[in-house]
Amino acid sequence: MVAQAFQFQPAVLKVPAGQPVTIHVTSADVLHGYYVEGTNINATAIPGQVTSFTTTFRRPGTLNLICNEYCGTGHHNMINSVKVEVQEP
């Protein structure tokens, strides 16, 4: 994930339910927060550095991903999502 100027790329992060995933977060401009509502995921995206963590999303659904570090005038619009999907066998 890359955070920059009021957006995350990709806009929707699709992950499999019930399987460990490692997420790598960085910033292209200033400090950003990486907070997934309803989870204990709360990381900082730092320019020039990569923050990595591994987690397992147990239940399918869509979770809000927000920047919780004030990053400028468009900060309040920096809301994306994590889509947890059931993988077909």
Protein backbone atom coordinates (compact mmCIF):
# COMPACT_ATOMS: atom_id res chain seq x y z
CA MET A 1 0.00 0.00 0.00
CA VAL A 2 1.19 3.49 -0.83
CA ALA A 3 -0.36 6.46 0.95
CA GLN A 4 -0.16 9.88 -0.65
CA ALA A 5 -2.09 13.14 -1.00
CA PHE A 6 -5.43 11.94 0.38
CA GLN A 7 -5.53 8.46 -1.14
CA PHE A 8 -4.27 4.93 -0.70
CA GLN A 9 -3.12 2.83 -3.64
CA PRO A 10 -4.72 0.46 -4.35
CA ALA A 11 -8.05 2.08 -3.44
CA VAL A 12 -9.48 -1.29 -2.36
CA LEU A 13 -7.21 -3.91 -0.82
CA LYS A 14 -8.61 -7.41 -1.45
CA VAL A 15 -7.47 -10.10 0.98
CA PRO A 16 -8.49 -13.74 1.57
CA ALA A 17 -10.53 -14.61 4.66
CA GLY A 18 -8.90 -16.98 7.15
CA GLN A 19 -5.39 -16.83 5.71
CA PRO A 20 -2.40 -14.83 6.96
CA VAL A 21 -1.52 -11.83 4.80
CA THR A 22 1.46 -9.52 5.07
CA ILE A 23 0.76 -5.88 4.33
CA HIS A 24 3.53 -3.43 3.47
CA VAL A 25 2.75 0.29 3.87
CA THR A 26 4.74 3.35 2.85
CA SER A 27 4.11 7.01 2.05
CA ALA A 28 5.01 8.97 -1.05
CA ASP A 29 4.80 12.39 0.64
CA VAL A 30 4.08 12.97 4.37
CA LEU A 31 3.21 10.89 7.45
CA HIS A 32 -0.09 9.03 7.10
CA GLY A 33 -1.94 6.68 9.40
CA TYR A 34 -3.14 3.23 8.35
CA TYR A 35 -6.07 2.22 10.54
CA VAL A 36 -8.53 -0.57 9.71
CA GLU A 37 -11.77 -0.11 11.65
CA GLY A 38 -12.91 -3.10 13.70
CA THR A 39 -9.38 -4.55 13.95
CA ASN A 40 -6.21 -3.90 15.93
CA ILE A 41 -4.41 -2.68 12.78
CA ASN A 42 -2.94 0.77 13.38
CA ALA A 43 0.31 1.57 11.59
CA THR A 44 2.18 4.66 10.44
CA ALA A 45 3.12 5.19 6.79
CA ILE A 46 6.46 7.01 6.77
CA PRO A 47 8.04 8.53 3.64
CA GLY A 48 11.07 6.52 2.56
CA GLN A 49 10.36 3.63 4.93
CA VAL A 50 8.22 0.50 4.75
CA THR A 51 6.05 -0.63 7.65
CA SER A 52 5.13 -4.33 7.46
CA PHE A 53 2.80 -6.49 9.51
CA THR A 54 1.08 -9.84 9.16
CA THR A 55 -2.54 -10.42 10.13
CA THR A 56 -5.44 -12.78 9.46
CA PHE A 57 -8.88 -11.45 8.65
CA ARG A 58 -11.29 -14.09 9.97
CA ARG A 59 -14.64 -12.92 8.59
CA PRO A 60 -15.56 -11.88 5.04
CA GLY A 61 -16.80 -8.34 4.53
CA THR A 62 -15.68 -4.82 3.81
CA LEU A 63 -13.80 -2.80 6.43
CA ASN A 64 -13.05 0.92 6.35
CA LEU A 65 -9.40 1.88 5.97
CA ILE A 66 -8.73 5.41 7.17
CA CYS A 67 -5.80 7.73 7.60
CA ASN A 68 -5.68 8.60 11.31
CA GLU A 69 -2.67 10.92 11.09
CA TYR A 70 -3.54 14.48 10.00
CA CYS A 71 -1.94 14.87 6.57
CA GLY A 72 -3.36 18.10 5.18
CA THR A 73 -6.56 19.77 4.00
CA GLY A 74 -7.99 16.68 2.26
CA HIS A 75 -7.29 14.37 5.22
CA HIS A 76 -10.98 13.87 6.01
CA ASN A 77 -11.52 12.34 2.55
CA MET A 78 -8.81 9.71 2.96
CA ILE A 79 -11.10 6.71 3.44
CA ASN A 80 -10.64 3.49 1.50
CA SER A 81 -11.49 -0.14 2.19
CA VAL A 82 -10.20 -3.62 2.84
CA LYS A 83 -12.37 -6.26 1.20
CA VAL A 84 -12.09 -9.65 2.89
CA GLU A 85 -13.18 -12.36 0.45
CA VAL A 86 -13.90 -16.07 0.77
CA GLN A 87 -11.55 -17.99 -1.51
CA GLU A 88 -13.09 -20.67 -3.71
CA PRO A 89 -11.50 -24.12 -3.25
